[in-house]
Amino acid sequence: MAKYRVEFTESFETDFKKLDRAVQKQILKWIEKHLINVDFPSTPGKTLKGELKDYVRFRVGDYRIISIVEEDIFVITNLHIGHRKDIYA
């Protein structure tokens, strides 16, 4: 079975650099465990609704990773990351 590959956009990397180092480590550890080389990455995620229906949200503590999961080519593209109070604005 094919494994998923994870990619990061510039916007994700910009958002990520703004986070505290401890939070960065927590998020990287979560991504390694739940998204890299997994069979079904959307299991811990939730498909968004409305205008954001094409995106999947992954919850990491108080932070959210907004991604596109391309199941036909097995790629997860992480678009943004931020605190739950700010990410959907």
N, C-alpha and C. Protein backbone atom coordinates (compact mmCIF):
# COMPACT_ATOMS: atom_id res chain seq x y z
N MET A 1 0.84 -1.19 0.00
CA MET A 1 0.00 0.00 0.00
C MET A 1 0.88 1.25 0.00
N ALA A 2 0.49 2.26 -0.73
CA ALA A 2 1.26 3.50 -0.85
C ALA A 2 1.22 4.29 0.45
N LYS A 3 2.31 4.96 0.73
CA LYS A 3 2.42 5.81 1.92
C LYS A 3 2.34 7.27 1.49
N TYR A 4 1.82 8.09 2.37
CA TYR A 4 1.68 9.51 2.08
C TYR A 4 2.97 10.27 2.30
N ARG A 5 3.19 11.28 1.47
CA ARG A 5 4.33 12.17 1.57
C ARG A 5 3.80 13.52 2.07
N VAL A 6 4.59 14.21 2.87
CA VAL A 6 4.18 15.49 3.44
C VAL A 6 4.99 16.61 2.82
N GLU A 7 4.29 17.67 2.39
CA GLU A 7 4.94 18.86 1.84
C GLU A 7 4.51 20.07 2.65
N PHE A 8 5.35 21.09 2.66
CA PHE A 8 5.05 22.32 3.40
C PHE A 8 5.12 23.51 2.46
N THR A 9 4.11 24.36 2.51
CA THR A 9 4.11 25.57 1.70
C THR A 9 4.91 26.67 2.41
N GLU A 10 5.23 27.73 1.67
CA GLU A 10 5.92 28.86 2.28
C GLU A 10 5.09 29.48 3.39
N SER A 11 3.78 29.55 3.19
CA SER A 11 2.91 30.14 4.21
C SER A 11 2.95 29.31 5.51
N PHE A 12 3.01 27.99 5.37
CA PHE A 12 3.12 27.14 6.55
C PHE A 12 4.43 27.42 7.28
N GLU A 13 5.52 27.46 6.52
CA GLU A 13 6.83 27.68 7.13
C GLU A 13 6.91 29.05 7.81
N THR A 14 6.29 30.07 7.20
CA THR A 14 6.26 31.40 7.81
C THR A 14 5.49 31.37 9.12
N ASP A 15 4.31 30.74 9.11
CA ASP A 15 3.50 30.62 10.33
C ASP A 15 4.26 29.82 11.40
N PHE A 16 4.92 28.75 10.97
CA PHE A 16 5.63 27.86 11.89
C PHE A 16 6.77 28.59 12.61
N LYS A 17 7.49 29.42 11.88
CA LYS A 17 8.62 30.15 12.48
C LYS A 17 8.17 31.14 13.56
N LYS A 18 6.94 31.56 13.52
CA LYS A 18 6.41 32.51 14.51
C LYS A 18 6.07 31.84 15.84
N LEU A 19 6.01 30.51 15.85
CA LEU A 19 5.62 29.78 17.05
C LEU A 19 6.80 29.62 18.01
N ASP A 20 6.47 29.41 19.27
CA ASP A 20 7.45 29.14 20.31
C ASP A 20 8.19 27.84 19.99
N ARG A 21 9.46 27.75 20.36
CA ARG A 21 10.28 26.55 20.06
C ARG A 21 9.66 25.27 20.62
N ALA A 22 9.12 25.33 21.83
CA ALA A 22 8.52 24.14 22.44
C ALA A 22 7.31 23.68 21.63
N VAL A 23 6.52 24.61 21.15
CA VAL A 23 5.35 24.29 20.34
C VAL A 23 5.81 23.73 19.00
N GLN A 24 6.87 24.29 18.41
CA GLN A 24 7.41 23.78 17.15
C GLN A 24 7.80 22.31 17.30
N LYS A 25 8.49 21.97 18.37
CA LYS A 25 8.92 20.59 18.60
C LYS A 25 7.72 19.67 18.74
N GLN A 26 6.71 20.13 19.48
CA GLN A 26 5.50 19.34 19.69
C GLN A 26 4.81 19.06 18.35
N ILE A 27 4.72 20.07 17.51
CA ILE A 27 4.06 19.92 16.22
C ILE A 27 4.85 19.02 15.28
N LEU A 28 6.16 19.20 15.22
CA LEU A 28 6.98 18.33 14.36
C LEU A 28 6.89 16.87 14.78
N LYS A 29 6.90 16.64 16.07
CA LYS A 29 6.78 15.27 16.59
C LYS A 29 5.44 14.68 16.19
N TRP A 30 4.37 15.48 16.28
CA TRP A 30 3.03 15.02 15.91
C TRP A 30 2.97 14.71 14.42
N ILE A 31 3.53 15.58 13.59
CA ILE A 31 3.52 15.37 12.15
C ILE A 31 4.26 14.08 11.79
N GLU A 32 5.42 13.86 12.40
CA GLU A 32 6.19 12.64 12.14
C GLU A 32 5.40 11.39 12.50
N LYS A 33 4.67 11.45 13.60
CA LYS A 33 3.93 10.28 14.07
C LYS A 33 2.64 10.04 13.28
N HIS A 34 1.91 11.11 12.94
CA HIS A 34 0.58 10.96 12.38
C HIS A 34 0.43 11.21 10.88
N LEU A 35 1.41 11.87 10.24
CA LEU A 35 1.23 12.21 8.83
C LEU A 35 2.28 11.61 7.90
N ILE A 36 3.50 11.49 8.34
CA ILE A 36 4.57 11.01 7.45
C ILE A 36 4.54 9.49 7.35
N ASN A 37 4.51 9.00 6.11
CA ASN A 37 4.52 7.56 5.82
C ASN A 37 3.38 6.78 6.48
N VAL A 38 2.19 7.36 6.47
CA VAL A 38 1.02 6.66 7.01
C VAL A 38 0.13 6.21 5.86
N ASP A 39 -0.74 5.25 6.12
CA ASP A 39 -1.66 4.75 5.10
C ASP A 39 -2.90 5.63 4.95
N PHE A 40 -3.45 6.12 6.06
CA PHE A 40 -4.68 6.91 6.04
C PHE A 40 -4.51 8.15 6.90
N PRO A 41 -4.01 9.26 6.34
CA PRO A 41 -3.70 10.45 7.14
C PRO A 41 -4.91 11.23 7.62
N SER A 42 -6.05 11.08 6.97
CA SER A 42 -7.19 11.89 7.38
C SER A 42 -7.88 11.34 8.62
N THR A 43 -7.42 10.19 9.12
CA THR A 43 -8.01 9.62 10.32
C THR A 43 -7.97 10.58 11.50
N PRO A 44 -6.81 11.20 11.82
CA PRO A 44 -6.81 12.13 12.95
C PRO A 44 -7.30 13.52 12.55
N GLY A 45 -7.66 13.72 11.28
CA GLY A 45 -8.08 15.03 10.80
C GLY A 45 -9.58 15.11 10.63
N LYS A 46 -10.03 16.32 10.30
CA LYS A 46 -11.45 16.56 10.10
C LYS A 46 -11.60 17.41 8.85
N THR A 47 -12.48 16.99 7.95
CA THR A 47 -12.75 17.77 6.75
C THR A 47 -13.56 18.99 7.14
N LEU A 48 -13.13 20.15 6.67
CA LEU A 48 -13.82 21.39 7.00
C LEU A 48 -15.07 21.54 6.14
N LYS A 49 -15.92 22.50 6.52
CA LYS A 49 -17.20 22.69 5.83
C LYS A 49 -17.27 24.08 5.21
N GLY A 50 -18.28 24.29 4.40
CA GLY A 50 -18.50 25.59 3.79
C GLY A 50 -17.45 25.91 2.74
N GLU A 51 -16.95 27.14 2.76
CA GLU A 51 -15.96 27.58 1.79
C GLU A 51 -14.64 26.82 1.91
N LEU A 52 -14.39 26.22 3.07
CA LEU A 52 -13.14 25.51 3.32
C LEU A 52 -13.28 23.99 3.13
N LYS A 53 -14.32 23.55 2.42
CA LYS A 53 -14.64 22.13 2.31
C LYS A 53 -13.55 21.28 1.66
N ASP A 54 -12.63 21.90 0.93
CA ASP A 54 -11.55 21.15 0.28
C ASP A 54 -10.36 20.89 1.21
N TYR A 55 -10.42 21.41 2.42
CA TYR A 55 -9.29 21.34 3.35
C TYR A 55 -9.58 20.38 4.49
N VAL A 56 -8.48 19.88 5.07
CA VAL A 56 -8.56 19.01 6.25
C VAL A 56 -7.84 19.72 7.39
N ARG A 57 -8.45 19.64 8.56
CA ARG A 57 -7.87 20.27 9.75
C ARG A 57 -7.32 19.17 10.66
N PHE A 58 -6.06 19.32 11.05
CA PHE A 58 -5.46 18.41 12.01
C PHE A 58 -5.27 19.17 13.32
N ARG A 59 -5.67 18.57 14.41
CA ARG A 59 -5.61 19.22 15.72
C ARG A 59 -4.38 18.74 16.48
N VAL A 60 -3.56 19.71 16.92
CA VAL A 60 -2.38 19.40 17.72
C VAL A 60 -2.45 20.31 18.94
N GLY A 61 -3.03 19.81 20.02
CA GLY A 61 -3.23 20.64 21.22
C GLY A 61 -4.11 21.82 20.88
N ASP A 62 -3.66 23.02 21.19
CA ASP A 62 -4.41 24.25 20.89
C ASP A 62 -4.12 24.79 19.50
N TYR A 63 -3.35 24.06 18.71
CA TYR A 63 -2.96 24.52 17.38
C TYR A 63 -3.64 23.68 16.31
N ARG A 64 -3.83 24.28 15.14
CA ARG A 64 -4.47 23.60 14.02
C ARG A 64 -3.58 23.68 12.79
N ILE A 65 -3.48 22.57 12.08
CA ILE A 65 -2.77 22.51 10.82
C ILE A 65 -3.83 22.39 9.73
N ILE A 66 -3.84 23.34 8.81
CA ILE A 66 -4.78 23.31 7.70
C ILE A 66 -4.05 22.74 6.49
N SER A 67 -4.60 21.67 5.91
CA SER A 67 -3.91 20.93 4.85
C SER A 67 -4.85 20.57 3.72
N ILE A 68 -4.24 20.21 2.62
CA ILE A 68 -4.95 19.57 1.51
C ILE A 68 -4.41 18.15 1.43
N VAL A 69 -5.30 17.17 1.45
CA VAL A 69 -4.89 15.77 1.33
C VAL A 69 -5.27 15.30 -0.07
N GLU A 70 -4.27 15.03 -0.88
CA GLU A 70 -4.49 14.56 -2.25
C GLU A 70 -4.35 13.04 -2.26
N GLU A 71 -5.47 12.38 -2.14
CA GLU A 71 -5.47 10.93 -1.99
C GLU A 71 -5.07 10.20 -3.26
N ASP A 72 -5.28 10.81 -4.42
CA ASP A 72 -4.94 10.12 -5.67
C ASP A 72 -3.43 10.05 -5.89
N ILE A 73 -2.66 11.02 -5.34
CA ILE A 73 -1.20 10.98 -5.50
C ILE A 73 -0.47 10.84 -4.16
N PHE A 74 -1.23 10.61 -3.09
CA PHE A 74 -0.67 10.35 -1.76
C PHE A 74 0.24 11.47 -1.25
N VAL A 75 -0.28 12.70 -1.29
CA VAL A 75 0.47 13.86 -0.82
C VAL A 75 -0.38 14.65 0.16
N ILE A 76 0.22 15.07 1.26
CA ILE A 76 -0.42 15.97 2.21
C ILE A 76 0.33 17.28 2.12
N THR A 77 -0.35 18.35 1.73
CA THR A 77 0.29 19.66 1.63
C THR A 77 -0.21 20.51 2.79
N ASN A 78 0.69 20.84 3.69
CA ASN A 78 0.34 21.66 4.84
C ASN A 78 0.40 23.12 4.43
N LEU A 79 -0.72 23.82 4.57
CA LEU A 79 -0.84 25.19 4.11
C LEU A 79 -0.59 26.22 5.20
N HIS A 80 -1.24 26.04 6.34
CA HIS A 80 -1.13 27.01 7.44
C HIS A 80 -1.11 26.29 8.78
N ILE A 81 -0.57 26.98 9.77
CA ILE A 81 -0.64 26.50 11.15
C ILE A 81 -0.82 27.71 12.04
N GLY A 82 -1.60 27.54 13.09
CA GLY A 82 -1.81 28.63 14.02
C GLY A 82 -2.64 28.21 15.21
N HIS A 83 -2.75 29.10 16.17
CA HIS A 83 -3.56 28.84 17.36
C HIS A 83 -5.02 28.75 16.95
N ARG A 84 -5.77 27.94 17.64
CA ARG A 84 -7.16 27.69 17.25
C ARG A 84 -8.01 28.95 17.21
N LYS A 85 -7.68 29.95 18.01
CA LYS A 85 -8.48 31.18 18.02
C LYS A 85 -8.19 32.06 16.80
N ASP A 86 -7.05 31.85 16.13
CA ASP A 86 -6.66 32.71 15.01
C ASP A 86 -6.71 32.03 13.64
N ILE A 87 -6.69 30.73 13.58
CA ILE A 87 -6.43 30.03 12.32
C ILE A 87 -7.56 30.16 11.30
N TYR A 88 -8.80 30.27 11.74
CA TYR A 88 -9.91 30.30 10.80
C TYR A 88 -10.30 31.71 10.35
N ALA A 89 -9.63 32.72 10.89
CA ALA A 89 -10.00 34.11 10.58
C ALA A 89 -9.50 34.55 9.23
